[in-house]
Amino acid sequence: MTNNNGMLMEIYVVASGASRRLGVVATGTVGRFVIPQGMLGNGPIEVEALAPAQVIRSGRLLVAAGQVIDFQIGPQQVSSRATVW
């Protein structure tokens, strides 16, 4: 996760109706997190970056164990993107 937003962002992963906090990413920094194995392989997941009065979502992602999500958190949803590789 790369935080190009002006706010400290709390990072969550959402899968099958369950949500888990992964950590925080400060402005202008990169955070690396591991998604719990039990949240993968049962359909799409979504990563959420939360700050006061702002939520930026990755969109639905199909992710398998061992893959990496590159989530670029922009100042707004429209300038944010997520790529799986």
N, C-alpha and C. Protein backbone atom coordinates (compact mmCIF):
# COMPACT_ATOMS: atom_id res chain seq x y z
N MET A 1 0.84 -1.16 0.00
CA MET A 1 0.00 0.00 0.00
C MET A 1 0.89 1.23 0.00
N THR A 2 0.66 2.12 -0.94
CA THR A 2 1.38 3.38 -0.98
C THR A 2 0.38 4.49 -0.71
N ASN A 3 0.64 5.27 0.33
CA ASN A 3 -0.29 6.32 0.74
C ASN A 3 0.12 7.66 0.17
N ASN A 4 -0.55 8.06 -0.91
CA ASN A 4 -0.35 9.38 -1.51
C ASN A 4 -1.44 10.35 -1.08
N ASN A 5 -2.18 9.97 -0.06
CA ASN A 5 -3.24 10.78 0.50
C ASN A 5 -2.65 11.68 1.58
N GLY A 6 -3.27 12.77 1.89
CA GLY A 6 -2.76 13.68 2.91
C GLY A 6 -3.07 13.25 4.33
N MET A 7 -3.72 12.10 4.49
CA MET A 7 -4.14 11.63 5.81
C MET A 7 -3.50 10.29 6.14
N LEU A 8 -3.34 10.03 7.43
CA LEU A 8 -2.97 8.70 7.91
C LEU A 8 -4.13 7.77 7.58
N MET A 9 -3.86 6.64 6.96
CA MET A 9 -4.91 5.73 6.54
C MET A 9 -4.85 4.42 7.31
N GLU A 10 -6.00 3.99 7.84
CA GLU A 10 -6.13 2.67 8.44
C GLU A 10 -6.54 1.71 7.34
N ILE A 11 -5.87 0.56 7.27
CA ILE A 11 -6.09 -0.39 6.19
C ILE A 11 -6.86 -1.61 6.70
N TYR A 12 -7.93 -1.95 6.00
CA TYR A 12 -8.76 -3.11 6.32
C TYR A 12 -8.90 -3.98 5.09
N VAL A 13 -9.10 -5.27 5.30
CA VAL A 13 -9.46 -6.17 4.21
C VAL A 13 -10.86 -6.70 4.53
N VAL A 14 -11.71 -6.79 3.49
CA VAL A 14 -13.08 -7.26 3.64
C VAL A 14 -13.26 -8.45 2.70
N ALA A 15 -13.77 -9.57 3.27
CA ALA A 15 -14.01 -10.76 2.47
C ALA A 15 -15.19 -11.53 3.06
N SER A 16 -16.11 -11.94 2.23
CA SER A 16 -17.27 -12.74 2.65
C SER A 16 -17.98 -12.14 3.86
N GLY A 17 -18.11 -10.83 3.88
CA GLY A 17 -18.82 -10.16 4.97
C GLY A 17 -18.01 -9.92 6.23
N ALA A 18 -16.79 -10.43 6.27
CA ALA A 18 -15.92 -10.24 7.44
C ALA A 18 -14.89 -9.16 7.13
N SER A 19 -14.52 -8.40 8.15
CA SER A 19 -13.54 -7.32 7.99
C SER A 19 -12.42 -7.53 9.01
N ARG A 20 -11.18 -7.26 8.59
CA ARG A 20 -10.05 -7.37 9.49
C ARG A 20 -9.11 -6.19 9.27
N ARG A 21 -8.71 -5.56 10.37
CA ARG A 21 -7.75 -4.45 10.30
C ARG A 21 -6.36 -5.02 10.07
N LEU A 22 -5.66 -4.44 9.06
CA LEU A 22 -4.30 -4.88 8.76
C LEU A 22 -3.24 -3.97 9.38
N GLY A 23 -3.54 -2.67 9.50
CA GLY A 23 -2.57 -1.73 10.07
C GLY A 23 -2.81 -0.33 9.54
N VAL A 24 -1.79 0.52 9.66
CA VAL A 24 -1.89 1.90 9.21
C VAL A 24 -0.74 2.23 8.26
N VAL A 25 -0.99 3.21 7.39
CA VAL A 25 0.03 3.72 6.48
C VAL A 25 0.03 5.24 6.59
N ALA A 26 1.15 5.79 6.99
CA ALA A 26 1.28 7.24 7.11
C ALA A 26 1.39 7.89 5.73
N THR A 27 1.11 9.17 5.68
CA THR A 27 1.21 9.93 4.44
C THR A 27 2.60 9.81 3.84
N GLY A 28 2.68 9.52 2.55
CA GLY A 28 3.95 9.46 1.83
C GLY A 28 4.78 8.23 2.12
N THR A 29 4.18 7.20 2.74
CA THR A 29 4.94 5.99 3.05
C THR A 29 4.30 4.77 2.40
N VAL A 30 5.02 3.65 2.49
CA VAL A 30 4.57 2.38 1.95
C VAL A 30 4.36 1.43 3.13
N GLY A 31 3.25 0.73 3.12
CA GLY A 31 2.99 -0.29 4.13
C GLY A 31 2.87 -1.65 3.47
N ARG A 32 3.39 -2.67 4.13
CA ARG A 32 3.29 -4.03 3.64
C ARG A 32 2.53 -4.86 4.67
N PHE A 33 1.50 -5.55 4.20
CA PHE A 33 0.64 -6.32 5.09
C PHE A 33 0.40 -7.70 4.49
N VAL A 34 0.12 -8.66 5.35
CA VAL A 34 -0.23 -10.01 4.91
C VAL A 34 -1.72 -10.22 5.20
N ILE A 35 -2.44 -10.61 4.17
CA ILE A 35 -3.86 -10.89 4.32
C ILE A 35 -4.00 -12.30 4.88
N PRO A 36 -4.79 -12.47 5.94
CA PRO A 36 -4.95 -13.81 6.52
C PRO A 36 -5.41 -14.84 5.48
N GLN A 37 -4.79 -16.00 5.51
CA GLN A 37 -5.07 -17.07 4.54
C GLN A 37 -6.56 -17.40 4.46
N GLY A 38 -7.24 -17.39 5.60
CA GLY A 38 -8.65 -17.73 5.63
C GLY A 38 -9.56 -16.75 4.90
N MET A 39 -9.04 -15.57 4.55
CA MET A 39 -9.84 -14.58 3.83
C MET A 39 -9.65 -14.69 2.32
N LEU A 40 -8.77 -15.59 1.88
CA LEU A 40 -8.49 -15.77 0.46
C LEU A 40 -9.13 -17.05 -0.07
N GLY A 41 -9.43 -17.06 -1.34
CA GLY A 41 -9.90 -18.26 -2.00
C GLY A 41 -11.39 -18.51 -1.92
N ASN A 42 -12.14 -17.63 -1.27
CA ASN A 42 -13.59 -17.81 -1.16
C ASN A 42 -14.34 -16.74 -1.92
N GLY A 43 -13.75 -16.23 -2.98
CA GLY A 43 -14.36 -15.16 -3.75
C GLY A 43 -13.54 -13.89 -3.64
N PRO A 44 -14.07 -12.80 -4.17
CA PRO A 44 -13.30 -11.55 -4.18
C PRO A 44 -13.14 -10.95 -2.79
N ILE A 45 -12.08 -10.18 -2.64
CA ILE A 45 -11.85 -9.40 -1.43
C ILE A 45 -11.83 -7.93 -1.83
N GLU A 46 -11.86 -7.06 -0.84
CA GLU A 46 -11.71 -5.63 -1.09
C GLU A 46 -10.84 -5.05 0.01
N VAL A 47 -9.93 -4.17 -0.36
CA VAL A 47 -9.10 -3.47 0.61
C VAL A 47 -9.68 -2.07 0.77
N GLU A 48 -9.79 -1.63 2.02
CA GLU A 48 -10.32 -0.30 2.32
C GLU A 48 -9.27 0.50 3.07
N ALA A 49 -9.10 1.74 2.67
CA ALA A 49 -8.24 2.69 3.37
C ALA A 49 -9.15 3.74 4.00
N LEU A 50 -9.11 3.85 5.32
CA LEU A 50 -10.03 4.72 6.03
C LEU A 50 -9.28 5.84 6.75
N ALA A 51 -9.82 7.03 6.63
CA ALA A 51 -9.37 8.22 7.37
C ALA A 51 -10.64 8.92 7.83
N PRO A 52 -10.55 9.86 8.76
CA PRO A 52 -11.76 10.57 9.18
C PRO A 52 -12.50 11.14 7.97
N ALA A 53 -13.76 10.78 7.83
CA ALA A 53 -14.64 11.28 6.78
C ALA A 53 -14.21 10.87 5.38
N GLN A 54 -13.41 9.81 5.24
CA GLN A 54 -12.98 9.39 3.91
C GLN A 54 -12.75 7.87 3.89
N VAL A 55 -13.28 7.21 2.87
CA VAL A 55 -13.03 5.79 2.64
C VAL A 55 -12.62 5.62 1.18
N ILE A 56 -11.48 5.00 0.97
CA ILE A 56 -11.02 4.71 -0.39
C ILE A 56 -10.95 3.20 -0.52
N ARG A 57 -11.63 2.66 -1.54
CA ARG A 57 -11.72 1.22 -1.72
C ARG A 57 -10.94 0.77 -2.96
N SER A 58 -10.39 -0.42 -2.86
CA SER A 58 -9.64 -1.00 -3.97
C SER A 58 -10.54 -1.46 -5.10
N GLY A 59 -11.79 -1.75 -4.78
CA GLY A 59 -12.65 -2.46 -5.72
C GLY A 59 -12.47 -3.95 -5.46
N ARG A 60 -13.36 -4.74 -6.02
CA ARG A 60 -13.31 -6.19 -5.79
C ARG A 60 -12.11 -6.80 -6.51
N LEU A 61 -11.36 -7.62 -5.77
CA LEU A 61 -10.14 -8.22 -6.30
C LEU A 61 -10.17 -9.73 -6.09
N LEU A 62 -9.79 -10.48 -7.09
CA LEU A 62 -9.61 -11.92 -6.94
C LEU A 62 -8.13 -12.15 -6.65
N VAL A 63 -7.85 -12.66 -5.46
CA VAL A 63 -6.47 -12.82 -4.99
C VAL A 63 -6.28 -14.24 -4.50
N ALA A 64 -5.17 -14.85 -4.90
CA ALA A 64 -4.80 -16.18 -4.42
C ALA A 64 -3.60 -16.06 -3.49
N ALA A 65 -3.38 -17.08 -2.70
CA ALA A 65 -2.22 -17.11 -1.81
C ALA A 65 -0.95 -16.89 -2.62
N GLY A 66 -0.07 -16.04 -2.12
CA GLY A 66 1.20 -15.76 -2.78
C GLY A 66 1.18 -14.57 -3.72
N GLN A 67 -0.01 -14.08 -4.07
CA GLN A 67 -0.09 -12.91 -4.94
C GLN A 67 0.08 -11.64 -4.12
N VAL A 68 0.40 -10.56 -4.82
CA VAL A 68 0.64 -9.26 -4.19
C VAL A 68 -0.38 -8.26 -4.72
N ILE A 69 -0.91 -7.43 -3.82
CA ILE A 69 -1.80 -6.33 -4.20
C ILE A 69 -1.00 -5.04 -4.10
N ASP A 70 -0.94 -4.31 -5.19
CA ASP A 70 -0.31 -2.98 -5.20
C ASP A 70 -1.45 -1.97 -5.17
N PHE A 71 -1.71 -1.40 -3.99
CA PHE A 71 -2.81 -0.45 -3.81
C PHE A 71 -2.21 0.93 -3.65
N GLN A 72 -2.42 1.77 -4.65
CA GLN A 72 -1.95 3.15 -4.65
C GLN A 72 -3.10 4.02 -4.15
N ILE A 73 -2.97 4.53 -2.94
CA ILE A 73 -4.02 5.34 -2.32
C ILE A 73 -3.80 6.79 -2.68
N GLY A 74 -4.70 7.34 -3.47
CA GLY A 74 -4.59 8.73 -3.89
C GLY A 74 -5.36 9.67 -2.99
N PRO A 75 -5.35 10.95 -3.31
CA PRO A 75 -6.11 11.92 -2.52
C PRO A 75 -7.62 11.67 -2.54
N GLN A 76 -8.09 11.01 -3.60
CA GLN A 76 -9.53 10.71 -3.76
C GLN A 76 -9.67 9.33 -4.38
N GLN A 77 -10.88 8.80 -4.33
CA GLN A 77 -11.14 7.47 -4.90
C GLN A 77 -10.75 7.41 -6.37
N VAL A 78 -11.07 8.44 -7.14
CA VAL A 78 -10.83 8.44 -8.58
C VAL A 78 -9.33 8.37 -8.92
N SER A 79 -8.47 8.81 -8.03
CA SER A 79 -7.03 8.80 -8.30
C SER A 79 -6.33 7.62 -7.62
N SER A 80 -7.10 6.68 -7.11
CA SER A 80 -6.54 5.49 -6.45
C SER A 80 -6.71 4.30 -7.38
N ARG A 81 -5.80 3.30 -7.23
CA ARG A 81 -5.91 2.10 -8.06
C ARG A 81 -5.29 0.92 -7.32
N ALA A 82 -5.76 -0.25 -7.68
CA ALA A 82 -5.22 -1.48 -7.11
C ALA A 82 -4.94 -2.47 -8.24
N THR A 83 -3.80 -3.12 -8.16
CA THR A 83 -3.38 -4.10 -9.14
C THR A 83 -2.96 -5.37 -8.40
N VAL A 84 -3.33 -6.52 -8.92
CA VAL A 84 -2.92 -7.81 -8.35
C VAL A 84 -1.90 -8.42 -9.27
N TRP A 85 -0.80 -8.90 -8.68
CA TRP A 85 0.22 -9.61 -9.47
C TRP A 85 0.87 -10.67 -8.65
